[in-house]
Protein backbone atom coordinates (compact mmCIF):
# COMPACT_ATOMS: atom_id res chain seq x y z
CA MET A 1 12.19 4.98 2.36
CA HIS A 2 14.28 4.17 -0.69
CA ASN A 3 14.70 7.73 -2.01
CA SER A 4 13.60 11.15 -0.86
CA GLY A 5 10.77 12.52 -2.97
CA PRO A 6 10.27 15.99 -4.38
CA ALA A 7 9.05 18.77 -2.11
CA GLY A 8 6.08 19.38 -4.42
CA GLY A 9 4.40 17.50 -7.22
CA TRP A 10 2.66 14.17 -6.97
CA VAL A 11 3.40 10.58 -6.04
CA LEU A 12 1.88 7.35 -7.34
CA LEU A 13 0.83 4.75 -4.75
CA ASP A 14 0.50 1.29 -6.31
CA ILE A 15 -1.42 -1.00 -3.92
CA SER A 16 -2.18 -4.68 -4.47
CA VAL A 17 -3.94 -7.26 -2.32
CA GLU A 18 -1.71 -10.31 -2.49
CA ALA A 19 -3.91 -12.71 -0.53
CA PHE A 20 -7.15 -12.90 1.41
CA VAL A 21 -7.55 -16.09 3.45
CA ARG A 22 -9.92 -16.77 6.38
CA GLY A 23 -10.47 -13.08 7.08
CA VAL A 24 -6.80 -12.04 6.85
CA ALA A 25 -5.62 -9.84 3.98
CA GLN A 26 -1.99 -9.31 2.93
CA LEU A 27 -1.25 -6.11 1.00
CA HIS A 28 1.83 -4.73 -0.73
CA ALA A 29 2.34 -1.11 -1.82
CA ARG A 30 5.00 0.86 -3.69
CA MET A 31 5.32 4.65 -3.88
CA PHE A 32 6.86 6.34 -6.95
CA ASP A 33 7.67 9.98 -7.72
CA GLU A 34 6.87 11.87 -10.95
CA ASP A 35 10.08 10.55 -12.58
CA GLY A 36 9.23 6.92 -11.79
CA ARG A 37 11.78 6.56 -8.98
CA LEU A 38 10.80 4.13 -6.25
CA LEU A 39 10.42 6.11 -3.02
CA ALA A 40 9.09 3.50 -0.58
CA THR A 41 7.66 0.00 -0.23
CA VAL A 42 5.34 -1.32 2.45
CA GLY A 43 3.69 -4.58 3.44
CA GLN A 44 0.58 -4.73 5.59
CA SER A 45 -1.61 -7.44 7.07
CA ALA A 46 -5.18 -6.77 8.14
CA VAL A 47 -7.82 -8.84 9.93
CA LEU A 48 -11.25 -8.27 8.39
CA ARG A 49 -14.43 -9.27 10.17
CA PRO A 50 -18.04 -9.16 8.99
CA ARG A 51 -20.14 -6.26 10.26
CA ARG A 52 -22.62 -7.01 12.98
CA ARG A 53 -26.21 -6.43 12.04
CA LEU A 54 -27.94 -3.77 14.09
């Protein structure tokens, strides 16, 4: 966490997929409060596999 957010109100979560290669996705997200202050940043990797047919 970069800053503590307000007790009420809303936050904006800006999420972007930075890459998707061979079934692996890399994401980046930033969270802002109502005044535009950066509250948090996060990076996430995910393995995505095709669904099996039933």
